[in-house]
């Protein structure tokens, strides 16, 4: 979990990089596309986002958006517990809204 290992210390929030599942196991698929971040990203601060990805500290587009053809845009998120969740349905990328 974010913030609980040496590599993720200070990166306490979990951001979902891809909100569109690609398999029948929706929960597992959703959690397999995450990064630990210092602050919850917004559409306008993606260049400044700091994250831990595959055990390495990264910034900007390496953190958000997901490098997948399914989600091609960042979304505004807000901190709820240890998670960065979308602030609203309307703020989601079009492809994510179409999948709902």
PDB file of N, CA and C in Angstrom:
ATOM      1  N   UNK A   1       0.833  -1.182   0.000  1.00  0.00           N
ATOM      2  CA  UNK A   1       0.000   0.000   0.000  1.00  0.00           C
ATOM      3  C   UNK A   1       0.878   1.247   0.000  1.00  0.00           C
ATOM      4  N   UNK A   2       0.375   2.303  -0.517  1.00  0.00           N
ATOM      5  CA  UNK A   2       1.138   3.547  -0.637  1.00  0.00           C
ATOM      6  C   UNK A   2       1.562   4.084   0.728  1.00  0.00           C
ATOM      7  N   UNK A   3       2.809   4.529   0.786  1.00  0.00           N
ATOM      8  CA  UNK A   3       3.342   5.122   1.998  1.00  0.00           C
ATOM      9  C   UNK A   3       3.842   4.132   3.029  1.00  0.00           C
ATOM     10  N   UNK A   4       3.725   2.843   2.761  1.00  0.00           N
ATOM     11  CA  UNK A   4       4.078   1.841   3.761  1.00  0.00           C
ATOM     12  C   UNK A   4       5.426   1.166   3.527  1.00  0.00           C
ATOM     13  N   UNK A   5       6.099   1.472   2.423  1.00  0.00           N
ATOM     14  CA  UNK A   5       7.409   0.891   2.161  1.00  0.00           C
ATOM     15  C   UNK A   5       8.430   2.015   2.043  1.00  0.00           C
ATOM     16  N   UNK A   6       9.691   1.652   2.047  1.00  0.00           N
ATOM     17  CA  UNK A   6      10.745   2.654   1.889  1.00  0.00           C
ATOM     18  C   UNK A   6      10.584   3.395   0.563  1.00  0.00           C
ATOM     19  N   UNK A   7      10.265   2.672  -0.503  1.00  0.00           N
ATOM     20  CA  UNK A   7      10.127   3.291  -1.834  1.00  0.00           C
ATOM     21  C   UNK A   7       8.954   4.259  -1.911  1.00  0.00           C
ATOM     22  N   UNK A   8       7.876   3.982  -1.159  1.00  0.00           N
ATOM     23  CA  UNK A   8       6.677   4.832  -1.268  1.00  0.00           C
ATOM     24  C   UNK A   8       6.493   5.792  -0.101  1.00  0.00           C
ATOM     25  N   UNK A   9       7.475   5.886   0.786  1.00  0.00           N
ATOM     26  CA  UNK A   9       7.359   6.802   1.915  1.00  0.00           C
ATOM     27  C   UNK A   9       7.144   8.226   1.405  1.00  0.00           C
ATOM     28  N   UNK A  10       6.102   8.883   1.903  1.00  0.00           N
ATOM     29  CA  UNK A  10       5.757  10.229   1.470  1.00  0.00           C
ATOM     30  C   UNK A  10       4.809  10.257   0.281  1.00  0.00           C
ATOM     31  N   UNK A  11       4.594   9.120  -0.333  1.00  0.00           N
ATOM     32  CA  UNK A  11       3.663   8.982  -1.458  1.00  0.00           C
ATOM     33  C   UNK A  11       2.472   8.170  -0.943  1.00  0.00           C
ATOM     34  N   UNK A  12       1.607   8.830  -0.189  1.00  0.00           N
ATOM     35  CA  UNK A  12       0.590   8.138   0.606  1.00  0.00           C
ATOM     36  C   UNK A  12      -0.759   7.938  -0.065  1.00  0.00           C
ATOM     37  N   UNK A  13      -0.934   8.445  -1.279  1.00  0.00           N
ATOM     38  CA  UNK A  13      -2.252   8.384  -1.920  1.00  0.00           C
ATOM     39  C   UNK A  13      -2.185   7.517  -3.178  1.00  0.00           C
ATOM     40  N   UNK A  14      -3.227   6.759  -3.421  1.00  0.00           N
ATOM     41  CA  UNK A  14      -3.295   5.865  -4.574  1.00  0.00           C
ATOM     42  C   UNK A  14      -4.145   6.498  -5.669  1.00  0.00           C
ATOM     43  N   UNK A  15      -3.546   6.668  -6.851  1.00  0.00           N
ATOM     44  CA  UNK A  15      -4.228   7.261  -8.008  1.00  0.00           C
ATOM     45  C   UNK A  15      -4.461   6.170  -9.052  1.00  0.00           C
ATOM     46  N   UNK A  16      -5.691   6.107  -9.552  1.00  0.00           N
ATOM     47  CA  UNK A  16      -6.067   5.122 -10.566  1.00  0.00           C
ATOM     48  C   UNK A  16      -5.754   5.698 -11.945  1.00  0.00           C
ATOM     49  N   UNK A  17      -4.757   5.122 -12.614  1.00  0.00           N
ATOM     50  CA  UNK A  17      -4.303   5.635 -13.909  1.00  0.00           C
ATOM     51  C   UNK A  17      -5.230   5.251 -15.049  1.00  0.00           C
ATOM     52  N   UNK A  18      -5.983   4.204 -14.887  1.00  0.00           N
ATOM     53  CA  UNK A  18      -6.882   3.758 -15.944  1.00  0.00           C
ATOM     54  C   UNK A  18      -8.209   3.365 -15.315  1.00  0.00           C
ATOM     55  N   UNK A  19      -9.239   4.109 -15.595  1.00  0.00           N
ATOM     56  CA  UNK A  19     -10.552   3.869 -15.000  1.00  0.00           C
ATOM     57  C   UNK A  19     -11.418   2.920 -15.826  1.00  0.00           C
ATOM     58  N   UNK A  20     -10.857   2.394 -16.897  1.00  0.00           N
ATOM     59  CA  UNK A  20     -11.643   1.534 -17.775  1.00  0.00           C
ATOM     60  C   UNK A  20     -11.085   0.118 -17.767  1.00  0.00           C
ATOM     61  N   UNK A  21     -11.775  -0.802 -17.096  1.00  0.00           N
ATOM     62  CA  UNK A  21     -11.287  -2.175 -17.019  1.00  0.00           C
ATOM     63  C   UNK A  21     -11.190  -2.820 -18.399  1.00  0.00           C
ATOM     64  N   UNK A  22     -10.191  -3.677 -18.535  1.00  0.00           N
ATOM     65  CA  UNK A  22      -9.997  -4.371 -19.804  1.00  0.00           C
ATOM     66  C   UNK A  22     -10.231  -5.871 -19.681  1.00  0.00           C
ATOM     67  N   UNK A  23     -10.657  -6.313 -18.499  1.00  0.00           N
ATOM     68  CA  UNK A  23     -10.932  -7.736 -18.305  1.00  0.00           C
ATOM     69  C   UNK A  23     -12.231  -7.891 -17.522  1.00  0.00           C
ATOM     70  N   UNK A  24     -12.640  -9.117 -17.326  1.00  0.00           N
ATOM     71  CA  UNK A  24     -13.885  -9.369 -16.598  1.00  0.00           C
ATOM     72  C   UNK A  24     -13.711  -9.183 -15.095  1.00  0.00           C
ATOM     73  N   UNK A  25     -12.476  -9.202 -14.606  1.00  0.00           N
ATOM     74  CA  UNK A  25     -12.220  -8.983 -13.183  1.00  0.00           C
ATOM     75  C   UNK A  25     -11.969  -7.491 -12.969  1.00  0.00           C
ATOM     76  N   UNK A  26     -13.051  -6.735 -12.851  1.00  0.00           N
ATOM     77  CA  UNK A  26     -13.004  -5.277 -12.828  1.00  0.00           C
ATOM     78  C   UNK A  26     -12.136  -4.741 -11.687  1.00  0.00           C
ATOM     79  N   UNK A  27     -12.311  -5.252 -10.490  1.00  0.00           N
ATOM     80  CA  UNK A  27     -11.571  -4.718  -9.336  1.00  0.00           C
ATOM     81  C   UNK A  27     -10.076  -4.976  -9.491  1.00  0.00           C
ATOM     82  N   UNK A  28      -9.711  -6.188  -9.832  1.00  0.00           N
ATOM     83  CA  UNK A  28      -8.293  -6.504 -10.010  1.00  0.00           C
ATOM     84  C   UNK A  28      -7.689  -5.665 -11.131  1.00  0.00           C
ATOM     85  N   UNK A  29      -8.421  -5.510 -12.211  1.00  0.00           N
ATOM     86  CA  UNK A  29      -7.942  -4.724 -13.343  1.00  0.00           C
ATOM     87  C   UNK A  29      -7.764  -3.261 -12.950  1.00  0.00           C
ATOM     88  N   UNK A  30      -8.713  -2.706 -12.223  1.00  0.00           N
ATOM     89  CA  UNK A  30      -8.649  -1.317 -11.783  1.00  0.00           C
ATOM     90  C   UNK A  30      -7.416  -1.077 -10.910  1.00  0.00           C
ATOM     91  N   UNK A  31      -7.168  -1.970  -9.960  1.00  0.00           N
ATOM     92  CA  UNK A  31      -6.047  -1.793  -9.038  1.00  0.00           C
ATOM     93  C   UNK A  31      -4.691  -2.126  -9.670  1.00  0.00           C
ATOM     94  N   UNK A  32      -4.692  -2.771 -10.823  1.00  0.00           N
ATOM     95  CA  UNK A  32      -3.415  -3.074 -11.472  1.00  0.00           C
ATOM     96  C   UNK A  32      -2.873  -1.873 -12.253  1.00  0.00           C
ATOM     97  N   UNK A  33      -3.664  -0.814 -12.375  1.00  0.00           N
ATOM     98  CA  UNK A  33      -3.241   0.395 -13.089  1.00  0.00           C
ATOM     99  C   UNK A  33      -3.253   1.590 -12.134  1.00  0.00           C
ATOM    100  N   UNK A  34      -2.424   1.523 -11.104  1.00  0.00           N
ATOM    101  CA  UNK A  34      -2.375   2.584 -10.097  1.00  0.00           C
ATOM    102  C   UNK A  34      -0.931   3.031  -9.862  1.00  0.00           C
ATOM    103  N   UNK A  35      -0.794   4.205  -9.265  1.00  0.00           N
ATOM    104  CA  UNK A  35       0.501   4.697  -8.812  1.00  0.00           C
ATOM    105  C   UNK A  35       0.305   5.375  -7.464  1.00  0.00           C
ATOM    106  N   UNK A  36       1.354   5.373  -6.670  1.00  0.00           N
ATOM    107  CA  UNK A  36       1.340   6.098  -5.403  1.00  0.00           C
ATOM    108  C   UNK A  36       1.811   7.527  -5.686  1.00  0.00           C
ATOM    109  N   UNK A  37       1.045   8.506  -5.210  1.00  0.00           N
ATOM    110  CA  UNK A  37       1.358   9.915  -5.469  1.00  0.00           C
ATOM    111  C   UNK A  37       1.465  10.694  -4.161  1.00  0.00           C
ATOM    112  N   UNK A  38       2.171  11.830  -4.227  1.00  0.00           N
ATOM    113  CA  UNK A  38       2.265  12.714  -3.066  1.00  0.00           C
ATOM    114  C   UNK A  38       0.977  13.497  -2.890  1.00  0.00           C
ATOM    115  N   UNK A  39       0.431  14.002  -3.996  1.00  0.00           N
ATOM    116  CA  UNK A  39      -0.814  14.773  -3.976  1.00  0.00           C
ATOM    117  C   UNK A  39      -1.707  14.275  -5.095  1.00  0.00           C
ATOM    118  N   UNK A  40      -3.002  14.359  -4.890  1.00  0.00           N
ATOM    119  CA  UNK A  40      -3.948  13.915  -5.909  1.00  0.00           C
ATOM    120  C   UNK A  40      -3.858  14.812  -7.139  1.00  0.00           C
ATOM    121  N   UNK A  41      -3.697  14.214  -8.322  1.00  0.00           N
ATOM    122  CA  UNK A  41      -3.579  14.986  -9.560  1.00  0.00           C
ATOM    123  C   UNK A  41      -4.876  15.666  -9.989  1.00  0.00           C
ATOM    124  N   UNK A  42      -4.711  16.733 -10.735  1.00  0.00           N
ATOM    125  CA  UNK A  42      -5.817  17.379 -11.423  1.00  0.00           C
ATOM    126  C   UNK A  42      -5.421  17.475 -12.894  1.00  0.00           C
ATOM    127  N   UNK A  43      -6.362  17.829 -13.741  1.00  0.00           N
ATOM    128  CA  UNK A  43      -6.057  17.951 -15.167  1.00  0.00           C
ATOM    129  C   UNK A  43      -4.999  19.008 -15.425  1.00  0.00           C
ATOM    130  N   UNK A  44      -4.909  20.019 -14.554  1.00  0.00           N
ATOM    131  CA  UNK A  44      -3.992  21.125 -14.808  1.00  0.00           C
ATOM    132  C   UNK A  44      -2.637  20.993 -14.118  1.00  0.00           C
ATOM    133  N   UNK A  45      -2.457  20.008 -13.232  1.00  0.00           N
ATOM    134  CA  UNK A  45      -1.168  19.901 -12.548  1.00  0.00           C
ATOM    135  C   UNK A  45      -0.403  18.629 -12.892  1.00  0.00           C
ATOM    136  N   UNK A  46      -0.728  17.970 -13.988  1.00  0.00           N
ATOM    137  CA  UNK A  46      -0.091  16.685 -14.289  1.00  0.00           C
ATOM    138  C   UNK A  46       1.417  16.791 -14.455  1.00  0.00           C
ATOM    139  N   UNK A  47       1.925  17.907 -14.937  1.00  0.00           N
ATOM    140  CA  UNK A  47       3.370  18.061 -15.125  1.00  0.00           C
ATOM    141  C   UNK A  47       4.109  18.082 -13.797  1.00  0.00           C
ATOM    142  N   UNK A  48       3.426  18.464 -12.722  1.00  0.00           N
ATOM    143  CA  UNK A  48       4.060  18.583 -11.407  1.00  0.00           C
ATOM    144  C   UNK A  48       3.829  17.365 -10.518  1.00  0.00           C
ATOM    145  N   UNK A  49       3.056  16.406 -10.972  1.00  0.00           N
ATOM    146  CA  UNK A  49       2.729  15.242 -10.150  1.00  0.00           C
ATOM    147  C   UNK A  49       3.987  14.432  -9.877  1.00  0.00           C
ATOM    148  N   UNK A  50       4.139  14.025  -8.626  1.00  0.00           N
ATOM    149  CA  UNK A  50       5.239  13.149  -8.231  1.00  0.00           C
ATOM    150  C   UNK A  50       4.653  11.815  -7.821  1.00  0.00           C
ATOM    151  N   UNK A  51       5.250  10.723  -8.320  1.00  0.00           N
ATOM    152  CA  UNK A  51       4.718   9.405  -8.002  1.00  0.00           C
ATOM    153  C   UNK A  51       5.838   8.391  -7.855  1.00  0.00           C
ATOM    154  N   UNK A  52       5.453   7.208  -7.399  1.00  0.00           N
ATOM    155  CA  UNK A  52       6.343   6.059  -7.395  1.00  0.00           C
ATOM    156  C   UNK A  52       5.720   5.047  -8.338  1.00  0.00           C
ATOM    157  N   UNK A  53       6.470   4.686  -9.367  1.00  0.00           N
ATOM    158  CA  UNK A  53       5.999   3.759 -10.388  1.00  0.00           C
ATOM    159  C   UNK A  53       7.040   2.655 -10.524  1.00  0.00           C
ATOM    160  N   UNK A  54       6.620   1.424 -10.288  1.00  0.00           N
ATOM    161  CA  UNK A  54       7.540   0.279 -10.351  1.00  0.00           C
ATOM    162  C   UNK A  54       8.771   0.478  -9.457  1.00  0.00           C
ATOM    163  N   UNK A  55       8.540   1.060  -8.269  1.00  0.00           N
ATOM    164  CA  UNK A  55       9.605   1.243  -7.293  1.00  0.00           C
ATOM    165  C   UNK A  55      10.514   2.430  -7.542  1.00  0.00           C
ATOM    166  N   UNK A  56      10.245   3.220  -8.593  1.00  0.00           N
ATOM    167  CA  UNK A  56      11.083   4.376  -8.918  1.00  0.00           C
ATOM    168  C   UNK A  56      10.284   5.661  -8.792  1.00  0.00           C
ATOM    169  N   UNK A  57      10.943   6.716  -8.313  1.00  0.00           N
ATOM    170  CA  UNK A  57      10.298   8.020  -8.239  1.00  0.00           C
ATOM    171  C   UNK A  57      10.249   8.612  -9.642  1.00  0.00           C
ATOM    172  N   UNK A  58       9.064   9.082 -10.024  1.00  0.00           N
ATOM    173  CA  UNK A  58       8.827   9.641 -11.356  1.00  0.00           C
ATOM    174  C   UNK A  58       8.074  10.960 -11.217  1.00  0.00           C
ATOM    175  N   UNK A  59       7.952  11.676 -12.314  1.00  0.00           N
ATOM    176  CA  UNK A  59       7.174  12.915 -12.325  1.00  0.00           C
ATOM    177  C   UNK A  59       6.408  13.041 -13.635  1.00  0.00           C
ATOM    178  N   UNK A  60       5.436  13.946 -13.623  1.00  0.00           N
ATOM    179  CA  UNK A  60       4.715  14.338 -14.829  1.00  0.00           C
ATOM    180  C   UNK A  60       3.995  13.232 -15.552  1.00  0.00           C
ATOM    181  N   UNK A  61       4.217  13.163 -16.872  1.00  0.00           N
ATOM    182  CA  UNK A  61       3.456  12.222 -17.693  1.00  0.00           C
ATOM    183  C   UNK A  61       3.823  10.771 -17.438  1.00  0.00           C
ATOM    184  N   UNK A  62       4.909  10.512 -16.743  1.00  0.00           N
ATOM    185  CA  UNK A  62       5.197   9.135 -16.339  1.00  0.00           C
ATOM    186  C   UNK A  62       4.195   8.670 -15.287  1.00  0.00           C
ATOM    187  N   UNK A  63       3.616   9.626 -14.553  1.00  0.00           N
ATOM    188  CA  UNK A  63       2.631   9.310 -13.513  1.00  0.00           C
ATOM    189  C   UNK A  63       1.207   9.329 -14.071  1.00  0.00           C
ATOM    190  N   UNK A  64       0.870  10.391 -14.786  1.00  0.00           N
ATOM    191  CA  UNK A  64      -0.468  10.595 -15.322  1.00  0.00           C
ATOM    192  C   UNK A  64      -0.344  11.243 -16.685  1.00  0.00           C
ATOM    193  N   UNK A  65      -1.164  10.923 -17.638  1.00  0.00           N
ATOM    194  CA  UNK A  65      -2.194   9.890 -17.614  1.00  0.00           C
ATOM    195  C   UNK A  65      -1.602   8.514 -17.862  1.00  0.00           C
ATOM    196  N   UNK A  66      -2.472   7.539 -17.841  1.00  0.00           N
ATOM    197  CA  UNK A  66      -2.045   6.170 -18.098  1.00  0.00           C
ATOM    198  C   UNK A  66      -1.502   6.059 -19.519  1.00  0.00           C
ATOM    199  N   UNK A  67      -0.499   5.241 -19.687  1.00  0.00           N
ATOM    200  CA  UNK A  67       0.055   5.024 -21.023  1.00  0.00           C
ATOM    201  C   UNK A  67      -0.675   3.856 -21.660  1.00  0.00           C
ATOM    202  N   UNK A  68      -1.898   4.091 -22.014  1.00  0.00           N
ATOM    203  CA  UNK A  68      -2.751   3.074 -22.610  1.00  0.00           C
ATOM    204  C   UNK A  68      -3.687   3.761 -23.588  1.00  0.00           C
ATOM    205  N   UNK A  69      -4.090   3.091 -24.641  1.00  0.00           N
ATOM    206  CA  UNK A  69      -5.009   3.723 -25.574  1.00  0.00           C
ATOM    207  C   UNK A  69      -6.410   3.928 -24.997  1.00  0.00           C
ATOM    208  N   UNK A  70      -6.701   3.320 -23.866  1.00  0.00           N
ATOM    209  CA  UNK A  70      -8.038   3.407 -23.299  1.00  0.00           C
ATOM    210  C   UNK A  70      -8.289   4.725 -22.593  1.00  0.00           C
ATOM    211  N   UNK A  71      -7.316   5.199 -21.859  1.00  0.00           N
ATOM    212  CA  UNK A  71      -7.479   6.475 -21.153  1.00  0.00           C
ATOM    213  C   UNK A  71      -6.371   7.396 -21.608  1.00  0.00           C
ATOM    214  N   UNK A  72      -6.723   8.428 -22.322  1.00  0.00           N
ATOM    215  CA  UNK A  72      -5.709   9.297 -22.900  1.00  0.00           C
ATOM    216  C   UNK A  72      -5.661  10.676 -22.258  1.00  0.00           C
ATOM    217  N   UNK A  73      -6.426  10.883 -21.196  1.00  0.00           N
ATOM    218  CA  UNK A  73      -6.424  12.186 -20.543  1.00  0.00           C
ATOM    219  C   UNK A  73      -6.489  12.021 -19.032  1.00  0.00           C
ATOM    220  N   UNK A  74      -5.837  12.932 -18.339  1.00  0.00           N
ATOM    221  CA  UNK A  74      -5.906  12.934 -16.879  1.00  0.00           C
ATOM    222  C   UNK A  74      -7.287  13.400 -16.441  1.00  0.00           C
ATOM    223  N   UNK A  75      -7.614  13.165 -15.184  1.00  0.00           N
ATOM    224  CA  UNK A  75      -8.889  13.622 -14.637  1.00  0.00           C
ATOM    225  C   UNK A  75      -8.644  14.291 -13.295  1.00  0.00           C
ATOM    226  N   UNK A  76      -9.527  15.226 -12.939  1.00  0.00           N
ATOM    227  CA  UNK A  76      -9.439  15.866 -11.632  1.00  0.00           C
ATOM    228  C   UNK A  76      -9.763  14.835 -10.567  1.00  0.00           C
ATOM    229  N   UNK A  77      -8.945  14.809  -9.520  1.00  0.00           N
ATOM    230  CA  UNK A  77      -9.189  13.866  -8.433  1.00  0.00           C
ATOM    231  C   UNK A  77      -9.096  14.589  -7.098  1.00  0.00           C
ATOM    232  N   UNK A  78      -9.692  13.961  -6.105  1.00  0.00           N
ATOM    233  CA  UNK A  78      -9.675  14.514  -4.757  1.00  0.00           C
ATOM    234  C   UNK A  78      -9.354  13.388  -3.786  1.00  0.00           C
ATOM    235  N   UNK A  79      -8.744  13.745  -2.676  1.00  0.00           N
ATOM    236  CA  UNK A  79      -8.345  12.760  -1.679  1.00  0.00           C
ATOM    237  C   UNK A  79      -9.539  12.311  -0.845  1.00  0.00           C
ATOM    238  N   UNK A  80      -9.784  11.015  -0.848  1.00  0.00           N
ATOM    239  CA  UNK A  80     -10.797  10.406   0.021  1.00  0.00           C
ATOM    240  C   UNK A  80     -10.116   9.212   0.674  1.00  0.00           C
ATOM    241  N   UNK A  81      -9.767   9.371   1.944  1.00  0.00           N
ATOM    242  CA  UNK A  81      -8.969   8.350   2.621  1.00  0.00           C
ATOM    243  C   UNK A  81      -7.622   8.254   1.922  1.00  0.00           C
ATOM    244  N   UNK A  82      -7.134   7.040   1.655  1.00  0.00           N
ATOM    245  CA  UNK A  82      -5.842   6.897   0.983  1.00  0.00           C
ATOM    246  C   UNK A  82      -5.940   6.924  -0.546  1.00  0.00           C
ATOM    247  N   UNK A  83      -7.101   7.250  -1.088  1.00  0.00           N
ATOM    248  CA  UNK A  83      -7.324   7.194  -2.535  1.00  0.00           C
ATOM    249  C   UNK A  83      -7.501   8.577  -3.149  1.00  0.00           C
ATOM    250  N   UNK A  84      -7.104   8.703  -4.412  1.00  0.00           N
ATOM    251  CA  UNK A  84      -7.406   9.872  -5.236  1.00  0.00           C
ATOM    252  C   UNK A  84      -8.534   9.448  -6.166  1.00  0.00           C
ATOM    253  N   UNK A  85      -9.724   9.944  -5.904  1.00  0.00           N
ATOM    254  CA  UNK A  85     -10.894   9.544  -6.674  1.00  0.00           C
ATOM    255  C   UNK A  85     -11.387  10.702  -7.531  1.00  0.00           C
ATOM    256  N   UNK A  86     -12.064  10.380  -8.640  1.00  0.00           N
ATOM    257  CA  UNK A  86     -12.573  11.455  -9.509  1.00  0.00           C
ATOM    258  C   UNK A  86     -13.465  12.416  -8.731  1.00  0.00           C
ATOM    259  N   UNK A  87     -13.311  13.717  -9.012  1.00  0.00           N
ATOM    260  CA  UNK A  87     -14.133  14.713  -8.326  1.00  0.00           C
ATOM    261  C   UNK A  87     -15.559  14.715  -8.866  1.00  0.00           C
ATOM    262  N   UNK A  88     -15.727  14.345 -10.146  1.00  0.00           N
ATOM    263  CA  UNK A  88     -17.072  14.293 -10.713  1.00  0.00           C
ATOM    264  C   UNK A  88     -17.077  13.451 -11.981  1.00  0.00           C
ATOM    265  N   UNK A  89     -18.234  12.955 -12.310  1.00  0.00           N
ATOM    266  CA  UNK A  89     -18.414  12.204 -13.551  1.00  0.00           C
ATOM    267  C   UNK A  89     -18.115  13.086 -14.755  1.00  0.00           C
ATOM    268  N   UNK A  90     -18.581  14.324 -14.715  1.00  0.00           N
ATOM    269  CA  UNK A  90     -18.392  15.242 -15.849  1.00  0.00           C
ATOM    270  C   UNK A  90     -16.932  15.547 -16.131  1.00  0.00           C
ATOM    271  N   UNK A  91     -16.077  15.428 -15.116  1.00  0.00           N
ATOM    272  CA  UNK A  91     -14.663  15.719 -15.303  1.00  0.00           C
ATOM    273  C   UNK A  91     -13.847  14.560 -15.820  1.00  0.00           C
ATOM    274  N   UNK A  92     -14.466  13.404 -16.013  1.00  0.00           N
ATOM    275  CA  UNK A  92     -13.736  12.232 -16.490  1.00  0.00           C
ATOM    276  C   UNK A  92     -13.428  12.346 -17.977  1.00  0.00           C
ATOM    277  N   UNK A  93     -12.362  11.671 -18.429  1.00  0.00           N
ATOM    278  CA  UNK A  93     -12.098  11.622 -19.863  1.00  0.00           C
ATOM    279  C   UNK A  93     -13.291  10.996 -20.593  1.00  0.00           C
ATOM    280  N   UNK A  94     -13.527  11.433 -21.823  1.00  0.00           N
ATOM    281  CA  UNK A  94     -14.682  10.971 -22.588  1.00  0.00           C
ATOM    282  C   UNK A  94     -14.733   9.451 -22.683  1.00  0.00           C
ATOM    283  N   UNK A  95     -13.604   8.805 -22.934  1.00  0.00           N
ATOM    284  CA  UNK A  95     -13.602   7.349 -23.080  1.00  0.00           C
ATOM    285  C   UNK A  95     -14.016   6.653 -21.788  1.00  0.00           C
ATOM    286  N   UNK A  96     -13.651   7.232 -20.643  1.00  0.00           N
ATOM    287  CA  UNK A  96     -14.056   6.645 -19.363  1.00  0.00           C
ATOM    288  C   UNK A  96     -15.564   6.818 -19.157  1.00  0.00           C
ATOM    289  N   UNK A  97     -16.096   7.979 -19.525  1.00  0.00           N
ATOM    290  CA  UNK A  97     -17.558   8.198 -19.396  1.00  0.00           C
ATOM    291  C   UNK A  97     -18.317   7.269 -20.332  1.00  0.00           C
ATOM    292  N   UNK A  98     -17.804   7.066 -21.538  1.00  0.00           N
ATOM    293  CA  UNK A  98     -18.482   6.193 -22.488  1.00  0.00           C
ATOM    294  C   UNK A  98     -18.538   4.748 -22.004  1.00  0.00           C
ATOM    295  N   UNK A  99     -17.582   4.358 -21.160  1.00  0.00           N
ATOM    296  CA  UNK A  99     -17.534   2.978 -20.686  1.00  0.00           C
ATOM    297  C   UNK A  99     -18.530   2.705 -19.561  1.00  0.00           C
ATOM    298  N   UNK A 100     -19.060   3.745 -18.957  1.00  0.00           N
ATOM    299  CA  UNK A 100     -19.991   3.575 -17.825  1.00  0.00           C
ATOM    300  C   UNK A 100     -21.346   3.163 -18.305  1.00  0.00           C
TER     301      UNK A 100
END
